[in-house]
Amino acid sequence: MVRLVVPSPAPARATAEAAAPPADEASVDAFVRAHYGFAWRVLRRAGLSPSDADDAAQRVFLIATARLSDIERGSERAFLYRTARRVASVAHRTARRRPDQHELEGDAEPDAAPPPDELVEQRRARALLDSILRELPEELSAALVLFDIEGLTKSEVAEALGVPPGTVASRVKRARAEVEAHLSRRRARALRHGGALP
């Protein structure tokens, strides 16, 4: 786990932040430990490389810890999701302005060390799922990832996406149907060509 170092607030902001009690180091550390993996996965699913996701996660938690006292209990992941999506968007714009940098990096989450015999199958399944999710409309893939993969409640997903809970339910249902349809088409193609799913 990357240890987050939270800098002291800049002098110009010190007056504005003096009204809110500063979060103690233990609560900041607990917050980061509890939610780092979630934010990192959101950044990866937003298309950042593992090293860019590490850097972006640092920015997400610098923003979040500066506003820790403003985040309602139970809304942490919704806040982190929105923040991570904004940070990823900025990272993509920045990357488009700099020369291409090709990296050969693994997809393993930080501190995740599955046994070697499971790693290949996990990567294959993740690549297939990511490929299908890229083909879905953003509103469907976001709802499915947050609800089915990240395990947020419908209320948390609704808050993160800024839609009513009923809309979340319909989007998740539509996304599941789309994923199943994509898988069925891929299975049919694989059978016609005598192979397995990629």
C-alpha atoms as a PDB file:
ATOM      1  CA  MET A   1       0.000   0.000   0.000  1.00  0.00           C
ATOM      2  CA  VAL A   2       1.302   3.408  -0.922  1.00  0.00           C
ATOM      3  CA  ARG A   3       1.545   5.607   2.170  1.00  0.00           C
ATOM      4  CA  LEU A   4      -0.172   8.904   1.610  1.00  0.00           C
ATOM      5  CA  VAL A   5       1.660  11.955   2.843  1.00  0.00           C
ATOM      6  CA  VAL A   6      -0.780  14.799   3.373  1.00  0.00           C
ATOM      7  CA  PRO A   7       0.950  18.187   3.138  1.00  0.00           C
ATOM      8  CA  SER A   8       0.054  21.049   5.444  1.00  0.00           C
ATOM      9  CA  PRO A   9      -2.514  23.421   3.957  1.00  0.00           C
ATOM     10  CA  ALA A  10      -1.124  26.358   2.039  1.00  0.00           C
ATOM     11  CA  PRO A  11      -1.091  29.621   4.038  1.00  0.00           C
ATOM     12  CA  ALA A  12      -3.676  31.244   1.747  1.00  0.00           C
ATOM     13  CA  ARG A  13      -6.126  28.416   2.479  1.00  0.00           C
ATOM     14  CA  ALA A  14      -5.343  28.137   6.157  1.00  0.00           C
ATOM     15  CA  THR A  15      -7.978  30.706   7.171  1.00  0.00           C
ATOM     16  CA  ALA A  16     -10.766  28.981   5.231  1.00  0.00           C
ATOM     17  CA  GLU A  17      -9.811  25.584   6.573  1.00  0.00           C
ATOM     18  CA  ALA A  18      -9.467  26.761  10.154  1.00  0.00           C
ATOM     19  CA  ALA A  19     -13.257  26.613  10.548  1.00  0.00           C
ATOM     20  CA  ALA A  20     -13.283  22.833  10.016  1.00  0.00           C
ATOM     21  CA  PRO A  21     -11.476  20.742  12.607  1.00  0.00           C
ATOM     22  CA  PRO A  22      -8.456  19.042  11.016  1.00  0.00           C
ATOM     23  CA  ALA A  23      -8.658  15.297  10.613  1.00  0.00           C
ATOM     24  CA  ASP A  24      -6.181  13.520  12.838  1.00  0.00           C
ATOM     25  CA  GLU A  25      -3.504  11.364  11.277  1.00  0.00           C
ATOM     26  CA  ALA A  26      -5.105   8.131  12.493  1.00  0.00           C
ATOM     27  CA  SER A  27      -8.476   8.921  10.894  1.00  0.00           C
ATOM     28  CA  VAL A  28      -6.786   9.951   7.623  1.00  0.00           C
ATOM     29  CA  ASP A  29      -4.757   6.731   7.625  1.00  0.00           C
ATOM     30  CA  ALA A  30      -7.857   4.621   8.353  1.00  0.00           C
ATOM     31  CA  PHE A  31      -9.797   6.412   5.596  1.00  0.00           C
ATOM     32  CA  VAL A  32      -7.047   5.817   3.036  1.00  0.00           C
ATOM     33  CA  ARG A  33      -6.596   2.158   4.034  1.00  0.00           C
ATOM     34  CA  ALA A  34     -10.338   1.507   3.857  1.00  0.00           C
ATOM     35  CA  HIS A  35     -10.907   3.102   0.452  1.00  0.00           C
ATOM     36  CA  TYR A  36      -7.614   3.123  -1.492  1.00  0.00           C
ATOM     37  CA  GLY A  37      -8.365  -0.085  -3.405  1.00  0.00           C
ATOM     38  CA  PHE A  38     -11.790   1.170  -4.450  1.00  0.00           C
ATOM     39  CA  ALA A  39     -10.456   4.503  -5.748  1.00  0.00           C
ATOM     40  CA  TRP A  40      -7.560   2.773  -7.529  1.00  0.00           C
ATOM     41  CA  ARG A  41      -9.943   0.383  -9.314  1.00  0.00           C
ATOM     42  CA  VAL A  42     -12.199   3.281 -10.393  1.00  0.00           C
ATOM     43  CA  LEU A  43      -9.137   5.011 -11.868  1.00  0.00           C
ATOM     44  CA  ARG A  44      -8.010   1.840 -13.664  1.00  0.00           C
ATOM     45  CA  ARG A  45     -11.492   1.292 -15.085  1.00  0.00           C
ATOM     46  CA  ALA A  46     -11.391   4.907 -16.243  1.00  0.00           C
ATOM     47  CA  GLY A  47      -8.493   3.848 -18.483  1.00  0.00           C
ATOM     48  CA  LEU A  48      -5.413   4.878 -16.504  1.00  0.00           C
ATOM     49  CA  SER A  49      -2.328   2.666 -16.465  1.00  0.00           C
ATOM     50  CA  PRO A  50      -1.362   1.165 -13.090  1.00  0.00           C
ATOM     51  CA  SER A  51       1.365   3.768 -12.483  1.00  0.00           C
ATOM     52  CA  ASP A  52      -0.917   6.632 -13.573  1.00  0.00           C
ATOM     53  CA  ALA A  53      -3.644   5.203 -11.327  1.00  0.00           C
ATOM     54  CA  ASP A  54      -1.183   5.270  -8.412  1.00  0.00           C
ATOM     55  CA  ASP A  55      -0.421   8.938  -9.049  1.00  0.00           C
ATOM     56  CA  ALA A  56      -4.076   9.804  -9.576  1.00  0.00           C
ATOM     57  CA  ALA A  57      -5.084   7.965  -6.381  1.00  0.00           C
ATOM     58  CA  GLN A  58      -2.662  10.190  -4.480  1.00  0.00           C
ATOM     59  CA  ARG A  59      -4.433  13.246  -5.924  1.00  0.00           C
ATOM     60  CA  VAL A  60      -7.864  11.789  -5.102  1.00  0.00           C
ATOM     61  CA  PHE A  61      -6.905  11.242  -1.476  1.00  0.00           C
ATOM     62  CA  LEU A  62      -5.255  14.640  -1.141  1.00  0.00           C
ATOM     63  CA  ILE A  63      -8.571  16.151  -2.205  1.00  0.00           C
ATOM     64  CA  ALA A  64     -10.630  13.794  -0.030  1.00  0.00           C
ATOM     65  CA  THR A  65      -8.554  14.159   3.119  1.00  0.00           C
ATOM     66  CA  ALA A  66      -8.645  17.942   2.827  1.00  0.00           C
ATOM     67  CA  ARG A  67     -12.449  17.647   2.882  1.00  0.00           C
ATOM     68  CA  LEU A  68     -12.732  14.657   5.213  1.00  0.00           C
ATOM     69  CA  SER A  69     -14.868  16.494   7.755  1.00  0.00           C
ATOM     70  CA  ASP A  70     -17.323  17.494   4.966  1.00  0.00           C
ATOM     71  CA  ILE A  71     -17.890  13.930   3.695  1.00  0.00           C
ATOM     72  CA  GLU A  72     -21.023  12.417   5.219  1.00  0.00           C
ATOM     73  CA  ARG A  73     -20.610   9.023   6.868  1.00  0.00           C
ATOM     74  CA  GLY A  74     -21.782   6.380   4.407  1.00  0.00           C
ATOM     75  CA  SER A  75     -21.127   8.625   1.382  1.00  0.00           C
ATOM     76  CA  GLU A  76     -17.362   8.106   1.263  1.00  0.00           C
ATOM     77  CA  ARG A  77     -17.330   5.874  -1.808  1.00  0.00           C
ATOM     78  CA  ALA A  78     -19.771   8.105  -3.700  1.00  0.00           C
ATOM     79  CA  PHE A  79     -17.518  11.107  -3.000  1.00  0.00           C
ATOM     80  CA  LEU A  80     -14.396   9.138  -3.988  1.00  0.00           C
ATOM     81  CA  TYR A  81     -16.036   7.865  -7.183  1.00  0.00           C
ATOM     82  CA  ARG A  82     -16.941  11.377  -8.356  1.00  0.00           C
ATOM     83  CA  THR A  83     -13.511  12.707  -7.381  1.00  0.00           C
ATOM     84  CA  ALA A  84     -11.691   9.809  -9.076  1.00  0.00           C
ATOM     85  CA  ARG A  85     -13.651  10.307 -12.302  1.00  0.00           C
ATOM     86  CA  ARG A  86     -12.744  14.026 -12.346  1.00  0.00           C
ATOM     87  CA  VAL A  87      -9.076  13.288 -11.592  1.00  0.00           C
ATOM     88  CA  ALA A  88      -9.013  10.600 -14.315  1.00  0.00           C
ATOM     89  CA  SER A  89     -10.515  13.058 -16.800  1.00  0.00           C
ATOM     90  CA  VAL A  90      -7.781  15.583 -16.018  1.00  0.00           C
ATOM     91  CA  ALA A  91      -5.136  12.847 -16.301  1.00  0.00           C
ATOM     92  CA  HIS A  92      -6.454  11.864 -19.748  1.00  0.00           C
ATOM     93  CA  ARG A  93      -6.355  15.484 -20.951  1.00  0.00           C
ATOM     94  CA  THR A  94      -2.795  15.836 -19.638  1.00  0.00           C
ATOM     95  CA  ALA A  95      -1.733  12.573 -21.302  1.00  0.00           C
ATOM     96  CA  ARG A  96      -3.083  13.761 -24.674  1.00  0.00           C
ATOM     97  CA  ARG A  97      -0.826  16.818 -24.447  1.00  0.00           C
ATOM     98  CA  ARG A  98       2.383  14.872 -23.795  1.00  0.00           C
ATOM     99  CA  PRO A  99       4.207  12.462 -26.127  1.00  0.00           C
ATOM    100  CA  ASP A 100       3.170   8.814 -26.121  1.00  0.00           C
ATOM    101  CA  GLN A 101       4.739   6.775 -23.366  1.00  0.00           C
ATOM    102  CA  HIS A 102       4.176   3.070 -23.754  1.00  0.00           C
ATOM    103  CA  GLU A 103       4.499   1.054 -20.587  1.00  0.00           C
ATOM    104  CA  LEU A 104       4.448  -2.667 -20.071  1.00  0.00           C
ATOM    105  CA  GLU A 105       2.804  -3.034 -16.698  1.00  0.00           C
ATOM    106  CA  GLY A 106       0.757  -5.669 -14.948  1.00  0.00           C
ATOM    107  CA  ASP A 107      -2.877  -5.215 -14.034  1.00  0.00           C
ATOM    108  CA  ALA A 108      -2.589  -6.490 -10.473  1.00  0.00           C
ATOM    109  CA  GLU A 109      -4.069  -4.224  -7.847  1.00  0.00           C
ATOM    110  CA  PRO A 110      -1.546  -2.847  -5.331  1.00  0.00           C
ATOM    111  CA  ASP A 111      -0.775  -5.349  -2.578  1.00  0.00           C
ATOM    112  CA  ALA A 112      -2.838  -8.039  -4.352  1.00  0.00           C
ATOM    113  CA  ALA A 113      -0.904 -11.263  -4.792  1.00  0.00           C
ATOM    114  CA  PRO A 114      -3.114 -14.096  -6.063  1.00  0.00           C
ATOM    115  CA  PRO A 115      -1.473 -17.502  -6.507  1.00  0.00           C
ATOM    116  CA  PRO A 116       0.258 -17.823  -9.895  1.00  0.00           C
ATOM    117  CA  ASP A 117      -2.159 -20.475 -11.174  1.00  0.00           C
ATOM    118  CA  GLU A 118      -5.106 -18.098 -10.644  1.00  0.00           C
ATOM    119  CA  LEU A 119      -3.389 -14.991 -12.011  1.00  0.00           C
ATOM    120  CA  VAL A 120      -3.658 -15.932 -15.709  1.00  0.00           C
ATOM    121  CA  GLU A 121      -7.348 -16.809 -15.410  1.00  0.00           C
ATOM    122  CA  GLN A 122      -8.090 -13.618 -13.473  1.00  0.00           C
ATOM    123  CA  ARG A 123      -6.310 -11.487 -16.063  1.00  0.00           C
ATOM    124  CA  ARG A 124      -8.145 -13.216 -18.896  1.00  0.00           C
ATOM    125  CA  ALA A 125     -11.524 -12.727 -17.195  1.00  0.00           C
ATOM    126  CA  ARG A 126     -10.702  -9.100 -16.327  1.00  0.00           C
ATOM    127  CA  ALA A 127      -9.608  -8.373 -19.906  1.00  0.00           C
ATOM    128  CA  LEU A 128     -12.805  -9.907 -21.275  1.00  0.00           C
ATOM    129  CA  LEU A 129     -14.995  -7.965 -18.820  1.00  0.00           C
ATOM    130  CA  ASP A 130     -13.134  -4.698 -19.483  1.00  0.00           C
ATOM    131  CA  SER A 131     -13.531  -5.237 -23.217  1.00  0.00           C
ATOM    132  CA  ILE A 132     -17.285  -5.751 -22.847  1.00  0.00           C
ATOM    133  CA  LEU A 133     -17.644  -2.791 -20.466  1.00  0.00           C
ATOM    134  CA  ARG A 134     -15.888  -0.514 -22.991  1.00  0.00           C
ATOM    135  CA  GLU A 135     -18.552  -1.441 -25.539  1.00  0.00           C
ATOM    136  CA  LEU A 136     -21.410  -0.459 -23.192  1.00  0.00           C
ATOM    137  CA  PRO A 137     -22.693   3.104 -22.870  1.00  0.00           C
ATOM    138  CA  GLU A 138     -20.959   4.899 -19.967  1.00  0.00           C
ATOM    139  CA  GLU A 139     -24.132   5.193 -17.876  1.00  0.00           C
ATOM    140  CA  LEU A 140     -24.673   1.417 -18.021  1.00  0.00           C
ATOM    141  CA  SER A 141     -21.072   0.386 -17.381  1.00  0.00           C
ATOM    142  CA  ALA A 142     -20.700   2.803 -14.449  1.00  0.00           C
ATOM    143  CA  ALA A 143     -23.864   1.514 -12.759  1.00  0.00           C
ATOM    144  CA  LEU A 144     -22.850  -2.126 -13.277  1.00  0.00           C
ATOM    145  CA  VAL A 145     -19.286  -1.632 -12.024  1.00  0.00           C
ATOM    146  CA  LEU A 146     -20.327   0.297  -8.931  1.00  0.00           C
ATOM    147  CA  PHE A 147     -23.200  -2.035  -8.004  1.00  0.00           C
ATOM    148  CA  ASP A 148     -22.072  -5.522  -9.064  1.00  0.00           C
ATOM    149  CA  ILE A 149     -18.291  -5.251  -8.913  1.00  0.00           C
ATOM    150  CA  GLU A 150     -17.633  -2.667  -6.213  1.00  0.00           C
ATOM    151  CA  GLY A 151     -20.631  -3.676  -4.104  1.00  0.00           C
ATOM    152  CA  LEU A 152     -22.091  -0.219  -3.507  1.00  0.00           C
ATOM    153  CA  THR A 153     -25.745  -0.079  -2.520  1.00  0.00           C
ATOM    154  CA  LYS A 154     -28.277   1.326  -4.989  1.00  0.00           C
ATOM    155  CA  SER A 155     -28.459   4.467  -2.852  1.00  0.00           C
ATOM    156  CA  GLU A 156     -24.670   4.887  -2.952  1.00  0.00           C
ATOM    157  CA  VAL A 157     -24.607   4.334  -6.719  1.00  0.00           C
ATOM    158  CA  ALA A 158     -27.448   6.804  -7.155  1.00  0.00           C
ATOM    159  CA  GLU A 159     -25.529   9.396  -5.146  1.00  0.00           C
ATOM    160  CA  ALA A 160     -22.299   8.752  -7.042  1.00  0.00           C
ATOM    161  CA  LEU A 161     -23.977   9.038 -10.440  1.00  0.00           C
ATOM    162  CA  GLY A 162     -26.449  11.757  -9.505  1.00  0.00           C
ATOM    163  CA  VAL A 163     -29.533   9.756 -10.535  1.00  0.00           C
ATOM    164  CA  PRO A 164     -32.559   8.338  -8.668  1.00  0.00           C
ATOM    165  CA  PRO A 165     -32.225   4.804  -7.170  1.00  0.00           C
ATOM    166  CA  GLY A 166     -34.877   3.506  -9.588  1.00  0.00           C
ATOM    167  CA  THR A 167     -32.719   4.612 -12.496  1.00  0.00           C
ATOM    168  CA  VAL A 168     -29.794   2.695 -11.000  1.00  0.00           C
ATOM    169  CA  ALA A 169     -31.888  -0.476 -10.839  1.00  0.00           C
ATOM    170  CA  SER A 170     -32.956  -0.190 -14.478  1.00  0.00           C
ATOM    171  CA  ARG A 171     -29.412   0.630 -15.644  1.00  0.00           C
ATOM    172  CA  VAL A 172     -27.957  -2.362 -13.781  1.00  0.00           C
ATOM    173  CA  LYS A 173     -30.628  -4.642 -15.263  1.00  0.00           C
ATOM    174  CA  ARG A 174     -29.967  -3.326 -18.791  1.00  0.00           C
ATOM    175  CA  ALA A 175     -26.193  -3.587 -18.313  1.00  0.00           C
ATOM    176  CA  ARG A 176     -26.429  -7.197 -17.124  1.00  0.00           C
ATOM    177  CA  ALA A 177     -28.529  -8.076 -20.166  1.00  0.00           C
ATOM    178  CA  GLU A 178     -26.023  -6.349 -22.455  1.00  0.00           C
ATOM    179  CA  VAL A 179     -23.074  -8.177 -20.865  1.00  0.00           C
ATOM    180  CA  GLU A 180     -24.871 -11.515 -21.256  1.00  0.00           C
ATOM    181  CA  ALA A 181     -25.673 -10.716 -24.902  1.00  0.00           C
ATOM    182  CA  HIS A 182     -22.020  -9.797 -25.569  1.00  0.00           C
ATOM    183  CA  LEU A 183     -20.860 -13.031 -23.912  1.00  0.00           C
ATOM    184  CA  SER A 184     -23.341 -15.103 -25.934  1.00  0.00           C
ATOM    185  CA  ARG A 185     -22.129 -13.551 -29.195  1.00  0.00           C
ATOM    186  CA  ARG A 186     -18.488 -14.127 -28.249  1.00  0.00           C
ATOM    187  CA  ARG A 187     -19.206 -17.754 -27.266  1.00  0.00           C
ATOM    188  CA  ALA A 188     -20.983 -18.338 -30.596  1.00  0.00           C
ATOM    189  CA  ARG A 189     -18.030 -16.843 -32.535  1.00  0.00           C
ATOM    190  CA  ALA A 190     -15.563 -18.930 -30.520  1.00  0.00           C
ATOM    191  CA  LEU A 191     -17.553 -22.134 -31.217  1.00  0.00           C
ATOM    192  CA  ARG A 192     -17.679 -21.354 -34.931  1.00  0.00           C
ATOM    193  CA  HIS A 193     -13.910 -20.943 -34.968  1.00  0.00           C
ATOM    194  CA  GLY A 194     -13.270 -23.944 -32.706  1.00  0.00           C
ATOM    195  CA  GLY A 195     -11.764 -21.993 -29.819  1.00  0.00           C
ATOM    196  CA  ALA A 196     -12.572 -20.659 -26.404  1.00  0.00           C
ATOM    197  CA  LEU A 197     -13.470 -17.176 -25.279  1.00  0.00           C
ATOM    198  CA  PRO A 198     -10.502 -14.790 -25.505  1.00  0.00           C
END
